[in-house]
Amino acid sequence: MRSFRTMLALSGAVTLAACGGDTRPQTVGGSAVVPSGTPTPTHSFVSPTETKTYESIGTVQHYEYYTDSNKIGQGGQLYAGDANTARDSGISVTYNPRDAIFELTINRPNGLVNVTAFRYQDPQHRTAFGGPLHPQAGVPEFAASRQIQYLEAGTSTGNELAPTSPYYPGSAQSEYPVMDDASNSTRQTLFYQKPGTTTKYVTYAGFVRNNVSGALQTPASGSFLRETYSLDRGAFVFGERSANGAVPTSGTGTFSGEMIASMVVNVDPTTTLDATGSTYIQWMQGMQTTTINFGSKTVNSSFTGTLFAPTLDAYTSALYPLAAGTAFSATGSATIDMVNRGGFTGSFSQACFATTCTAGNSLNIAGSSLDGSFFGPNADEIGGGFRIVGGTPDQRIDILGAYTGKKP
């Protein structure tokens, strides 16, 4: 594959209002040690009173490359993606309701994403679209009805270029910052759906980290500015996991809800004007429906979505192959194994960028995963992550997402 010069191995809150209460950390998904004489916890995921750490199910991806101001295209490309399971998390969210502090940790080596206990305080780090401090480039603006909360923090050194700079792109297409020589910008954004909006025991969240640095190159042929990008994305769910004994062993259930995903797609250098096979990152929002037969332990899921436009840099061609508004559909299946896997695991049988998949428009799926678990005291809700890797030999697509669902 040409565009990803190095392709690493495939892997298979909230109101969260500030309240007083017990600040002893507890890990959700395990069994917290309750000291003798401790009152029965009154914790609620929608209106929490205790500090808790939630182990997440979901996906991460990393893409790094550089662009030069004297030509079009991307170089030095390195990409990695990773999807975890219910028992193999590596992603956690801790929330302290007393101080309104979120702490995000991501340790997914296969995805080249590492975040060490990064802290956000609400409302100090709160941001929103439409306000004076809107989220950084690459953060998706979902439908207002989804009630997404955004928290963002970061640092910068040096100068961000203005359009009057000789090294600023003439088309002014860049949505990422364009950094001057010896300058750097790093911003990290955590966003999540406010619990209680569509589900009570689980919610979905996302992560965006953009690191952009500038360095002046001075060869004999003439100086130019090199912009280096290191981009991380994540989509995951967290919440109150169901005990194994709460999951039914007979009957059926249908769980419907929302999904989000981040996707990378690279242009085919043999059919476009961009011979470097540049890669673009695009978010999507959509819905999912999952039907479960608890007796046979079978899970069948269908996903539909709509792509957002990619985020553009200063010197890439912008010849991305999938336009904003493109439809997405996929179907997959999984098997429940609460004892060994803590939920369900499976794969996708079909996916396409259309409202209906046919033999003519379906992706050539090279690898996929569908993971999830149950949430709530009576397995009332589900949540999980998914990944679909597909495309053709000279063009690759990697879709990594998260979803939630509840019974009607």
Protein backbone atom coordinates (compact mmCIF):
# COMPACT_ATOMS: atom_id res chain seq x y z
CA MET A 1 0.00 0.00 0.00
CA ARG A 2 1.56 3.28 -1.07
CA SER A 3 -0.07 5.93 1.06
CA PHE A 4 0.69 4.42 4.43
CA ARG A 5 4.44 4.02 4.13
CA THR A 6 4.40 2.03 7.37
CA MET A 7 1.23 0.16 8.34
CA LEU A 8 1.38 -1.29 11.82
CA ALA A 9 -0.24 -4.62 12.69
CA LEU A 10 -4.03 -4.71 12.68
CA SER A 11 -5.68 -5.27 16.03
CA GLY A 12 -8.31 -6.89 16.29
CA ALA A 13 -19.77 13.76 32.24
CA VAL A 14 -22.83 13.89 31.21
CA THR A 15 -24.24 16.43 33.56
CA LEU A 16 -21.58 15.08 35.86
CA ALA A 17 -22.35 17.99 38.10
CA ALA A 18 -19.88 18.94 40.81
CA CYS A 19 -21.22 17.37 43.99
CA GLY A 20 -19.72 16.39 47.32
CA GLY A 21 -19.36 12.76 48.30
CA ASP A 22 -16.99 9.87 48.80
CA THR A 23 -13.82 10.58 46.86
CA ARG A 24 -12.28 7.12 47.17
CA PRO A 25 -11.56 5.90 43.63
CA GLN A 26 -13.48 2.86 42.46
CA THR A 27 -13.05 0.94 39.24
CA VAL A 28 -16.23 0.19 37.35
CA GLY A 29 -16.18 -3.19 35.71
CA GLY A 30 -14.42 -4.76 38.65
CA SER A 31 -15.34 -5.26 42.29
CA ALA A 32 -14.49 -2.35 44.56
CA VAL A 33 -13.38 -3.14 48.09
CA VAL A 34 -16.01 -1.76 50.50
CA PRO A 35 -14.66 -1.22 54.03
CA SER A 36 -16.67 -2.57 56.95
CA GLY A 37 -19.34 -0.13 58.04
CA THR A 38 -19.29 1.85 54.80
CA PRO A 39 -22.79 3.09 53.83
CA THR A 40 -24.35 1.65 50.68
CA PRO A 41 -23.09 3.76 47.73
CA THR A 42 -25.62 6.09 46.16
CA HIS A 43 -23.65 6.61 42.98
CA SER A 44 -25.54 7.37 39.80
CA PHE A 45 -23.91 7.58 36.39
CA VAL A 46 -26.17 10.49 35.42
CA SER A 47 -25.73 12.38 38.70
CA PRO A 48 -22.55 10.99 40.27
CA THR A 49 -21.56 11.46 43.90
CA GLU A 50 -18.36 9.42 44.05
CA THR A 51 -15.04 9.47 42.25
CA LYS A 52 -14.94 6.50 39.88
CA THR A 53 -12.76 5.15 37.12
CA TYR A 54 -14.55 3.69 34.13
CA GLU A 55 -12.73 1.17 31.93
CA SER A 56 -13.68 1.89 28.33
CA ILE A 57 -14.35 -0.16 25.21
CA GLY A 58 -13.41 1.44 21.92
CA THR A 59 -10.81 2.38 19.36
CA VAL A 60 -7.83 4.67 18.72
CA GLN A 61 -5.79 5.70 15.70
CA HIS A 62 -2.64 7.66 15.01
CA TYR A 63 -1.42 9.33 11.83
CA GLU A 64 1.76 11.34 11.33
CA TYR A 65 3.27 12.95 8.24
CA TYR A 66 4.76 16.19 6.95
CA THR A 67 3.99 18.70 4.21
CA ASP A 68 6.25 21.24 2.51
CA SER A 69 5.26 24.75 1.47
CA ASN A 70 6.97 24.40 -1.92
CA LYS A 71 4.88 21.46 -3.18
CA ILE A 72 1.61 19.57 -2.77
CA GLY A 73 1.32 16.26 -0.92
CA GLN A 74 2.26 14.35 2.21
CA GLY A 75 5.53 12.62 3.12
CA GLY A 76 6.91 10.50 5.95
CA GLN A 77 3.54 8.84 6.51
CA LEU A 78 3.03 6.53 9.48
CA TYR A 79 -0.36 5.14 10.49
CA ALA A 80 -1.63 2.81 13.22
CA GLY A 81 -5.12 1.80 14.43
CA ASP A 82 -6.30 -0.35 17.33
CA ALA A 83 -9.59 -1.66 18.73
CA ASN A 84 -9.89 -3.05 22.25
CA THR A 85 -12.31 -5.50 23.88
CA ALA A 86 -14.31 -5.48 27.10
CA ARG A 87 -11.48 -7.21 28.98
CA ASP A 88 -8.57 -5.51 27.18
CA SER A 89 -9.25 -1.85 27.72
CA GLY A 90 -6.22 0.41 27.95
CA ILE A 91 -8.60 3.38 27.94
CA SER A 92 -10.04 4.78 31.17
CA VAL A 93 -12.00 7.84 32.25
CA THR A 94 -11.97 8.95 35.89
CA TYR A 95 -14.48 11.53 37.07
CA ASN A 96 -14.28 13.39 40.38
CA PRO A 97 -17.67 15.08 40.95
CA ARG A 98 -16.45 17.05 43.96
CA ASP A 99 -13.97 19.04 41.86
CA ALA A 100 -15.53 18.46 38.41
CA ILE A 101 -12.29 16.91 37.14
CA PHE A 102 -12.02 14.40 34.31
CA GLU A 103 -8.87 12.33 33.96
CA LEU A 104 -8.26 10.51 30.68
CA THR A 105 -5.73 7.71 30.28
CA ILE A 106 -5.04 5.90 27.01
CA ASN A 107 -2.38 3.22 26.69
CA ARG A 108 -2.80 1.42 23.37
CA PRO A 109 0.70 0.65 22.01
CA ASN A 110 -0.64 -1.03 18.85
CA GLY A 111 -2.43 2.20 18.01
CA LEU A 112 0.56 4.41 18.92
CA VAL A 113 -1.66 6.45 21.24
CA ASN A 114 -0.55 7.18 24.79
CA VAL A 115 -2.21 9.68 27.12
CA THR A 116 -1.01 9.69 30.72
CA ALA A 117 -3.72 10.80 33.15
CA PHE A 118 -4.49 14.02 31.27
CA ARG A 119 -6.74 16.21 33.44
CA TYR A 120 -9.60 18.43 32.36
CA GLN A 121 -11.54 20.60 34.78
CA ASP A 122 -15.09 21.66 34.01
CA PRO A 123 -15.85 24.51 33.37
CA GLN A 124 -12.25 25.79 33.07
CA HIS A 125 -11.57 23.63 30.01
CA ARG A 126 -15.07 23.64 28.57
CA THR A 127 -15.56 24.81 25.01
CA ALA A 128 -18.37 24.68 22.46
CA PHE A 129 -19.14 25.30 18.81
CA GLY A 130 -20.59 28.71 18.11
CA GLY A 131 -18.80 30.37 21.02
CA PRO A 132 -15.66 32.52 21.18
CA LEU A 133 -13.48 29.50 22.11
CA HIS A 134 -14.71 26.79 19.78
CA PRO A 135 -12.99 23.38 19.66
CA GLN A 136 -9.84 22.87 17.64
CA ALA A 137 -9.68 21.61 14.06
CA GLY A 138 -10.50 17.94 13.72
CA VAL A 139 -13.13 17.91 16.48
CA PRO A 140 -16.51 16.89 15.02
CA GLU A 141 -19.53 19.15 15.41
CA PHE A 142 -22.33 16.67 16.02
CA ALA A 143 -26.05 17.38 15.86
CA ALA A 144 -27.16 19.66 18.72
CA SER A 145 -29.70 17.05 19.83
CA ARG A 146 -26.84 14.75 20.81
CA GLN A 147 -25.85 17.12 23.66
CA ILE A 148 -22.11 16.65 23.25
CA GLN A 149 -19.90 18.29 25.89
CA TYR A 150 -16.39 19.45 24.89
CA LEU A 151 -13.33 19.87 27.14
CA GLU A 152 -10.03 21.10 25.69
CA ALA A 153 -6.55 22.06 26.87
CA GLY A 154 -3.15 22.51 25.29
CA THR A 155 0.06 24.47 24.85
CA SER A 156 1.91 26.28 22.10
CA THR A 157 5.35 27.80 21.59
CA GLY A 158 6.51 30.20 18.92
CA ASN A 159 4.17 31.72 16.32
CA GLU A 160 1.20 30.64 14.28
CA LEU A 161 1.40 32.11 10.79
CA ALA A 162 -1.12 34.57 9.43
CA PRO A 163 -2.31 34.56 5.77
CA THR A 164 0.13 37.37 4.99
CA SER A 165 3.11 35.05 5.55
CA PRO A 166 4.93 33.94 2.37
CA TYR A 167 4.69 30.36 3.64
CA TYR A 168 0.96 30.40 4.29
CA PRO A 169 -1.04 28.42 1.66
CA GLY A 170 -2.35 30.64 -1.09
CA SER A 171 -5.77 28.96 -0.93
CA ALA A 172 -5.96 29.48 2.85
CA GLN A 173 -7.42 25.97 3.00
CA SER A 174 -5.68 25.01 6.24
CA GLU A 175 -7.87 24.27 9.22
CA TYR A 176 -4.98 23.06 11.33
CA PRO A 177 -2.71 25.86 12.58
CA VAL A 178 0.18 26.74 10.27
CA MET A 179 3.22 26.98 12.54
CA ASP A 180 6.26 29.18 11.91
CA ASP A 181 9.87 28.00 12.11
CA ALA A 182 10.71 26.48 15.53
CA SER A 183 7.06 26.70 16.57
CA ASN A 184 4.75 24.02 17.96
CA SER A 185 1.09 23.63 18.91
CA THR A 186 -0.45 20.73 20.88
CA ARG A 187 -4.10 20.60 21.88
CA GLN A 188 -6.08 17.72 23.40
CA THR A 189 -9.87 17.52 23.33
CA LEU A 190 -12.16 15.14 25.21
CA PHE A 191 -15.81 15.12 24.18
CA TYR A 192 -18.69 12.97 25.41
CA GLN A 193 -22.44 12.68 25.26
CA LYS A 194 -24.10 13.92 28.42
CA PRO A 195 -25.36 10.83 30.28
CA GLY A 196 -29.12 10.67 30.43
CA THR A 197 -29.46 12.15 26.94
CA THR A 198 -30.15 8.80 25.28
CA THR A 199 -28.79 6.27 27.80
CA LYS A 200 -28.58 6.14 31.61
CA TYR A 201 -25.74 3.71 32.31
CA VAL A 202 -23.29 4.17 29.44
CA THR A 203 -22.23 6.98 27.14
CA TYR A 204 -19.90 7.45 24.19
CA ALA A 205 -16.91 9.75 24.00
CA GLY A 206 -14.13 10.82 21.68
CA PHE A 207 -10.60 12.15 21.81
CA VAL A 208 -8.68 14.45 19.45
CA ARG A 209 -5.03 15.41 19.85
CA ASN A 210 -3.31 17.55 17.22
CA ASN A 211 0.40 18.27 17.39
CA VAL A 212 1.64 20.56 14.61
CA SER A 213 5.17 21.94 14.37
CA GLY A 214 6.99 24.12 11.85
CA ALA A 215 10.63 24.02 10.79
CA LEU A 216 12.31 26.08 8.07
CA GLN A 217 14.27 24.00 5.54
CA THR A 218 17.15 25.73 3.74
CA PRO A 219 18.53 23.63 0.88
CA ALA A 220 20.57 25.23 -1.90
CA SER A 221 17.54 25.19 -4.19
CA GLY A 222 15.65 27.59 -1.93
CA SER A 223 14.10 27.66 1.54
CA PHE A 224 10.67 26.26 2.39
CA LEU A 225 8.63 25.62 5.51
CA ARG A 226 7.95 22.05 6.63
CA GLU A 227 4.85 21.37 8.72
CA THR A 228 4.92 18.12 10.73
CA TYR A 229 1.65 16.63 11.97
CA SER A 230 1.06 14.04 14.69
CA LEU A 231 -2.68 13.35 14.94
CA ASP A 232 -4.48 11.08 17.42
CA ARG A 233 -8.16 10.13 17.42
CA GLY A 234 -10.26 7.96 19.71
CA ALA A 235 -13.87 6.79 20.03
CA PHE A 236 -15.00 4.77 23.05
CA VAL A 237 -17.77 4.12 25.57
CA PHE A 238 -17.70 4.13 29.37
CA GLY A 239 -20.27 3.54 32.07
CA GLU A 240 -21.68 1.20 34.73
CA ARG A 241 -20.99 -2.36 33.56
CA SER A 242 -23.55 -5.08 34.28
CA ALA A 243 -22.62 -7.98 36.55
CA ASN A 244 -22.34 -11.27 34.67
CA GLY A 245 -25.32 -12.65 36.55
CA ALA A 246 -27.51 -9.75 35.40
CA VAL A 247 -27.20 -10.70 31.73
CA PRO A 248 -30.18 -12.86 30.62
CA THR A 249 -29.61 -16.42 29.44
CA SER A 250 -32.86 -16.69 27.53
CA GLY A 251 -35.15 -14.52 25.44
CA THR A 252 -34.31 -11.78 22.96
CA GLY A 253 -33.78 -8.04 22.98
CA THR A 254 -33.27 -5.17 20.58
CA PHE A 255 -30.96 -2.30 21.51
CA SER A 256 -30.97 0.86 19.40
CA GLY A 257 -28.84 3.95 19.75
CA GLU A 258 -26.19 6.26 18.37
CA MET A 259 -22.73 5.70 16.97
CA ILE A 260 -19.70 7.82 16.12
CA ALA A 261 -16.57 6.90 14.19
CA SER A 262 -13.31 8.32 12.93
CA MET A 263 -12.07 7.15 9.55
CA VAL A 264 -8.88 7.45 7.55
CA VAL A 265 -8.99 7.17 3.77
CA ASN A 266 -6.14 7.67 1.36
CA VAL A 267 -6.45 8.67 -2.26
CA ASP A 268 -5.34 6.24 -4.94
CA PRO A 269 -2.15 7.83 -6.39
CA THR A 270 -2.65 6.01 -9.69
CA THR A 271 -5.96 7.74 -10.45
CA THR A 272 -5.58 11.27 -9.05
CA LEU A 273 -3.32 14.29 -9.37
CA ASP A 274 -1.91 13.58 -5.89
CA ALA A 275 0.92 11.13 -6.53
CA THR A 276 1.78 10.91 -2.82
CA GLY A 277 -1.49 9.12 -2.00
CA SER A 278 -2.39 11.61 0.75
CA THR A 279 -4.53 10.46 3.67
CA TYR A 280 -7.50 12.27 5.21
CA ILE A 281 -9.23 11.86 8.56
CA GLN A 282 -13.03 12.14 8.62
CA TRP A 283 -15.58 11.71 11.40
CA MET A 284 -19.06 10.30 10.98
CA GLN A 285 -22.21 10.19 13.07
CA GLY A 286 -24.97 7.64 12.78
CA MET A 287 -27.21 5.06 14.38
CA GLN A 288 -27.07 1.36 15.18
CA THR A 289 -29.55 -1.42 15.92
CA THR A 290 -28.49 -4.62 17.66
CA THR A 291 -30.69 -7.70 18.07
CA ILE A 292 -29.60 -10.23 20.69
CA ASN A 293 -30.74 -13.80 21.24
CA PHE A 294 -29.63 -14.48 24.80
CA GLY A 295 -30.42 -18.17 24.58
CA SER A 296 -28.14 -18.81 21.61
CA LYS A 297 -25.77 -15.98 22.67
CA THR A 298 -25.88 -14.44 19.19
CA VAL A 299 -25.59 -10.73 18.41
CA ASN A 300 -26.52 -9.11 15.08
CA SER A 301 -25.84 -5.42 14.48
CA SER A 302 -26.49 -2.95 11.69
CA PHE A 303 -24.94 0.52 11.40
CA THR A 304 -25.83 3.55 9.31
CA GLY A 305 -24.02 6.86 9.22
CA THR A 306 -23.10 10.06 7.39
CA LEU A 307 -19.56 11.32 6.79
CA PHE A 308 -18.30 14.75 7.81
CA ALA A 309 -15.77 16.64 5.69
CA PRO A 310 -12.10 15.92 6.46
CA THR A 311 -9.88 18.41 8.21
CA LEU A 312 -7.44 19.98 5.75
CA ASP A 313 -3.84 20.99 6.26
CA ALA A 314 -1.79 23.70 4.57
CA TYR A 315 -0.22 21.91 1.64
CA THR A 316 -2.20 18.76 0.79
CA SER A 317 -4.22 18.59 -2.43
CA ALA A 318 -7.71 18.35 -0.82
CA LEU A 319 -8.59 15.70 -3.43
CA TYR A 320 -10.24 13.48 -0.82
CA PRO A 321 -12.35 10.71 -2.36
CA LEU A 322 -15.37 10.65 -0.02
CA ALA A 323 -17.37 13.87 0.22
CA ALA A 324 -19.16 15.19 3.27
CA GLY A 325 -22.67 13.76 3.40
CA THR A 326 -21.66 10.38 1.97
CA ALA A 327 -23.79 7.59 3.48
CA PHE A 328 -22.33 4.59 5.31
CA SER A 329 -23.84 1.18 6.06
CA ALA A 330 -22.49 -1.99 7.68
CA THR A 331 -23.68 -5.25 9.23
CA GLY A 332 -21.88 -7.50 11.69
CA SER A 333 -22.40 -10.31 14.16
CA ALA A 334 -20.88 -11.43 17.47
CA THR A 335 -21.11 -14.06 20.20
CA ILE A 336 -21.71 -13.44 23.91
CA ASP A 337 -19.12 -14.85 26.30
CA MET A 338 -19.43 -13.12 29.65
CA VAL A 339 -17.07 -15.48 31.50
CA ASN A 340 -14.07 -15.32 29.19
CA ARG A 341 -14.58 -12.02 27.37
CA GLY A 342 -16.82 -9.94 29.60
CA GLY A 343 -19.25 -9.21 26.77
CA PHE A 344 -19.46 -10.07 23.09
CA THR A 345 -16.97 -10.16 20.24
CA GLY A 346 -17.38 -10.63 16.50
CA SER A 347 -16.76 -9.16 13.06
CA PHE A 348 -18.42 -7.48 10.07
CA SER A 349 -19.76 -9.28 7.03
CA GLN A 350 -20.49 -6.23 4.88
CA ALA A 351 -19.82 -2.49 4.71
CA CYS A 352 -20.25 0.19 2.06
CA PHE A 353 -20.49 3.92 1.46
CA ALA A 354 -24.13 3.85 0.39
CA THR A 355 -27.54 3.57 2.01
CA THR A 356 -27.76 -0.08 0.89
CA CYS A 357 -24.85 -2.47 0.39
CA THR A 358 -24.72 -4.54 -2.77
CA ALA A 359 -22.15 -6.80 -4.39
CA GLY A 360 -21.06 -3.86 -6.53
CA ASN A 361 -20.46 -1.24 -3.83
CA SER A 362 -19.31 -3.25 -0.80
CA LEU A 363 -15.86 -2.72 0.66
CA ASN A 364 -13.28 -5.44 0.38
CA ILE A 365 -13.02 -6.04 4.16
CA ALA A 366 -9.46 -7.01 5.05
CA GLY A 367 -10.12 -7.12 8.80
CA SER A 368 -12.84 -6.12 11.25
CA SER A 369 -13.98 -6.35 14.86
CA LEU A 370 -17.26 -5.80 16.71
CA ASP A 371 -16.96 -5.64 20.50
CA GLY A 372 -19.33 -4.70 23.28
CA SER A 373 -20.76 -5.37 26.71
CA PHE A 374 -23.83 -4.74 28.85
CA PHE A 375 -24.47 -1.80 31.14
CA GLY A 376 -26.92 -1.11 33.92
CA PRO A 377 -28.18 -3.23 36.83
CA ASN A 378 -30.31 -5.45 34.58
CA ALA A 379 -28.26 -5.38 31.37
CA ASP A 380 -30.56 -2.56 30.26
CA GLU A 381 -28.11 -1.05 27.76
CA ILE A 382 -25.16 -1.96 25.55
CA GLY A 383 -22.05 -0.16 24.43
CA GLY A 384 -18.92 -1.02 22.54
CA GLY A 385 -16.49 -0.34 19.74
CA PHE A 386 -15.95 -1.47 16.17
CA ARG A 387 -13.36 -1.44 13.42
CA ILE A 388 -13.55 -2.05 9.67
CA VAL A 389 -10.39 -2.14 7.54
CA GLY A 390 -11.01 -2.28 3.81
CA GLY A 391 -10.31 -0.89 0.37
CA THR A 392 -8.28 -1.85 -2.68
CA PRO A 393 -4.53 -2.55 -3.01
CA ASP A 394 -3.66 1.12 -3.62
CA GLN A 395 -6.32 2.65 -1.42
CA ARG A 396 -7.01 1.93 2.22
CA ILE A 397 -9.91 2.76 4.53
CA ASP A 398 -9.87 2.26 8.30
CA ILE A 399 -13.07 3.00 10.25
CA LEU A 400 -12.92 2.98 14.04
CA GLY A 401 -15.97 3.80 16.13
CA ALA A 402 -18.07 3.46 19.26
CA TYR A 403 -21.79 2.98 19.88
CA THR A 404 -24.44 2.78 22.59
CA GLY A 405 -27.94 1.33 22.64
CA LYS A 406 -30.94 0.65 24.82
CA LYS A 407 -34.18 -1.31 24.64
CA PRO A 408 -37.31 0.54 23.45
